[in-house]
Amino acid sequence: MINLAMATTAAPEEKPREPKIDALGRSYGTGRRKDSSARVWLKRGSGKVIVNGKENAVYFARPTLRMLINQPFLAVDGENKFDVMCTVKGGGLSGQAGAVRHGISRALDCYDPTFHKALRQGGFLTRDSRVVERKKYGKAKARRSFQFSKR
C-alpha cells in the first residue's frame, strides 16, 4: 500500500544562495594545498591574475602551473572575464599553485552560486589533503631503508 501523504509532499524548495560580494565588487576565497595557503580576491575584469604583486606568468613560470590556475575558469566558462589578486604563503610553487586554484574556485563560488555545480563536479572545491609523509626513525626517509651492506 502506498502512503499518499508521503507521495504528495515534495521536498521544501531551497532558496538559491546569495552572492557574497563586497562594496568594491570583489568576492573572497581562501585556498590551501600542502603547506601553502592563498588569499584570493576576484572581481569582474579582463582576466589579469596578480600573485604576490607579480604577474601570473612571472610568478608561475612553468606552463603547467598556469594551466592549473586557469582550470576553474574553464569549468565555469569564465576565462578572461575575471581579475584575480591574491597573496600566497608557504610551501613550494606546486603547492602554491594548488592553493591559488582552490582559492579561485571558492571565490568563484561566492561570486556566483550558480557556478557551484560545475566547480564541484570538476573537484575544484575539495581541498587536496595530500601532504608530505613524515620521516620515521630507523629509516633514511619516510619509507626508504638505509643501504644494505653484506660485509
Protein backbone atom coordinates (compact mmCIF):
# COMPACT_ATOMS: atom_id res chain seq x y z
CA MET A 1 0.00 0.00 0.00
CA ILE A 2 1.33 3.42 -0.96
CA ASN A 3 1.14 6.24 1.50
CA LEU A 4 -0.40 9.12 -0.46
CA ALA A 5 0.55 11.71 2.15
CA MET A 6 4.25 10.99 1.61
CA ALA A 7 3.95 10.85 -2.18
CA THR A 8 2.30 14.28 -2.48
CA THR A 9 4.63 16.22 -0.18
CA ALA A 10 7.66 17.38 -2.07
CA ALA A 11 10.95 18.45 -0.55
CA PRO A 12 10.94 22.07 0.58
CA GLU A 13 12.21 24.41 -2.12
CA GLU A 14 15.75 25.55 -1.43
CA LYS A 15 16.24 29.25 -1.83
CA PRO A 16 19.29 29.97 -4.04
CA ARG A 17 22.26 31.30 -2.12
CA GLU A 18 23.02 35.00 -2.27
CA PRO A 19 26.34 36.03 -3.83
CA LYS A 20 28.93 37.26 -1.31
CA ILE A 21 30.35 40.39 -2.92
CA ASP A 22 31.90 43.33 -1.02
CA ALA A 23 31.45 47.06 -1.73
CA LEU A 24 34.28 47.02 -4.29
CA GLY A 25 32.62 44.23 -6.30
CA ARG A 26 35.03 41.53 -5.12
CA SER A 27 34.46 38.08 -3.71
CA TYR A 28 36.95 36.31 -1.44
CA GLY A 29 38.18 32.75 -1.18
CA THR A 30 40.86 31.02 0.87
CA GLY A 31 42.69 28.14 -0.77
CA ARG A 32 45.04 25.60 0.78
CA ARG A 33 47.32 22.87 -0.59
CA LYS A 34 50.22 21.08 1.14
CA ASP A 35 51.86 23.78 3.31
CA SER A 36 50.59 26.70 1.20
CA SER A 37 47.66 28.98 1.83
CA ALA A 38 46.33 31.59 -0.58
CA ARG A 39 44.02 34.55 -0.02
CA VAL A 40 42.20 35.31 -3.27
CA TRP A 41 40.09 38.32 -4.27
CA LEU A 42 38.15 38.03 -7.51
CA LYS A 43 36.19 40.65 -9.48
CA ARG A 44 34.87 41.21 -13.00
CA GLY A 45 37.62 42.27 -15.36
CA SER A 46 39.83 41.35 -18.28
CA GLY A 47 41.48 38.16 -16.98
CA LYS A 48 44.50 39.66 -15.21
CA VAL A 49 45.99 37.46 -12.45
CA ILE A 50 48.32 39.07 -9.89
CA VAL A 51 50.10 36.77 -7.41
CA ASN A 52 52.07 38.44 -4.58
CA GLY A 53 52.34 41.64 -6.62
CA LYS A 54 53.69 39.89 -9.73
CA GLU A 55 52.05 38.91 -13.00
CA ASN A 56 50.84 35.30 -13.22
CA ALA A 57 53.34 34.37 -15.95
CA VAL A 58 56.24 35.81 -13.95
CA TYR A 59 55.38 34.21 -10.60
CA PHE A 60 54.42 30.80 -12.01
CA ALA A 61 56.98 30.35 -14.80
CA ARG A 62 56.03 26.74 -15.61
CA PRO A 63 53.12 26.43 -18.07
CA THR A 64 51.63 23.50 -16.12
CA LEU A 65 51.21 25.70 -13.04
CA ARG A 66 49.50 28.43 -15.06
CA MET A 67 47.22 25.81 -16.65
CA LEU A 68 46.36 24.53 -13.15
CA ILE A 69 45.29 28.02 -12.06
CA ASN A 70 43.08 28.53 -15.14
CA GLN A 71 41.13 25.28 -14.70
CA PRO A 72 38.30 26.74 -12.54
CA PHE A 73 37.71 29.48 -15.13
CA LEU A 74 37.45 26.89 -17.91
CA ALA A 75 34.94 24.89 -15.84
CA VAL A 76 32.57 27.86 -15.49
CA ASP A 77 33.31 29.34 -18.95
CA GLY A 78 34.78 32.46 -17.34
CA GLU A 79 38.21 32.77 -18.89
CA ASN A 80 39.30 36.41 -19.40
CA LYS A 81 36.19 37.61 -17.54
CA PHE A 82 37.63 37.94 -14.01
CA ASP A 83 40.59 39.74 -12.46
CA VAL A 84 42.35 37.91 -9.63
CA MET A 85 44.51 39.45 -6.91
CA CYS A 86 45.99 37.01 -4.43
CA THR A 87 48.65 36.60 -1.79
CA VAL A 88 50.09 33.15 -1.19
CA LYS A 89 52.46 31.96 1.54
CA GLY A 90 54.25 28.75 2.46
CA GLY A 91 55.32 25.65 0.58
CA GLY A 92 56.77 25.45 -2.91
CA LEU A 93 55.49 26.61 -6.27
CA SER A 94 53.41 23.49 -6.95
CA GLY A 95 51.62 23.72 -3.60
CA GLN A 96 51.12 27.45 -4.05
CA ALA A 97 49.57 26.94 -7.49
CA GLY A 98 47.19 24.36 -6.00
CA ALA A 99 46.30 26.76 -3.19
CA VAL A 100 45.59 29.58 -5.65
CA ARG A 101 43.40 27.25 -7.74
CA HIS A 102 41.43 26.24 -4.63
CA GLY A 103 41.06 29.90 -3.60
CA ILE A 104 39.90 30.95 -7.07
CA SER A 105 37.32 28.16 -7.05
CA ARG A 106 35.94 29.20 -3.67
CA ALA A 107 35.87 32.87 -4.70
CA LEU A 108 34.01 31.98 -7.92
CA ASP A 109 31.51 30.00 -5.84
CA CYS A 110 30.94 33.04 -3.62
CA TYR A 111 30.73 35.40 -6.61
CA ASP A 112 28.02 33.42 -8.39
CA PRO A 113 26.42 30.42 -6.61
CA THR A 114 25.26 29.01 -9.97
CA PHE A 115 28.91 28.06 -10.60
CA HIS A 116 28.82 25.66 -7.62
CA LYS A 117 27.70 22.56 -9.51
CA ALA A 118 30.34 22.86 -12.26
CA LEU A 119 33.11 23.57 -9.73
CA ARG A 120 32.02 20.68 -7.51
CA GLN A 121 31.90 18.24 -10.43
CA GLY A 122 35.38 19.32 -11.51
CA GLY A 123 36.67 18.67 -7.99
CA PHE A 124 37.88 22.23 -7.54
CA LEU A 125 36.08 22.96 -4.26
CA THR A 126 37.60 19.99 -2.42
CA ARG A 127 40.84 20.66 -0.58
CA ASP A 128 43.56 18.24 -1.69
CA SER A 129 44.56 16.76 1.67
CA ARG A 130 47.74 15.02 0.49
CA VAL A 131 50.79 16.22 2.39
CA VAL A 132 54.38 15.02 2.70
CA GLU A 133 54.73 11.95 4.90
CA ARG A 134 56.91 12.41 7.95
CA LYS A 135 60.31 10.76 8.34
CA LYS A 136 60.37 7.72 10.63
CA TYR A 137 63.23 6.74 12.92
CA GLY A 138 65.37 3.87 11.61
CA LYS A 139 64.67 4.97 8.03
CA ALA A 140 66.62 7.17 5.64
CA LYS A 141 63.44 8.98 4.54
CA ALA A 142 59.75 8.35 5.19
CA ARG A 143 59.89 4.76 3.89
CA ARG A 144 63.34 4.26 2.34
CA SER A 145 65.63 1.98 4.33
CA PHE A 146 69.34 2.53 4.72
CA GLN A 147 71.53 0.79 2.14
CA PHE A 148 72.12 -2.86 2.99
CA SER A 149 75.74 -3.95 3.36
CA LYS A 150 76.54 -7.67 3.27
CA ARG A 151 80.04 -7.19 4.80
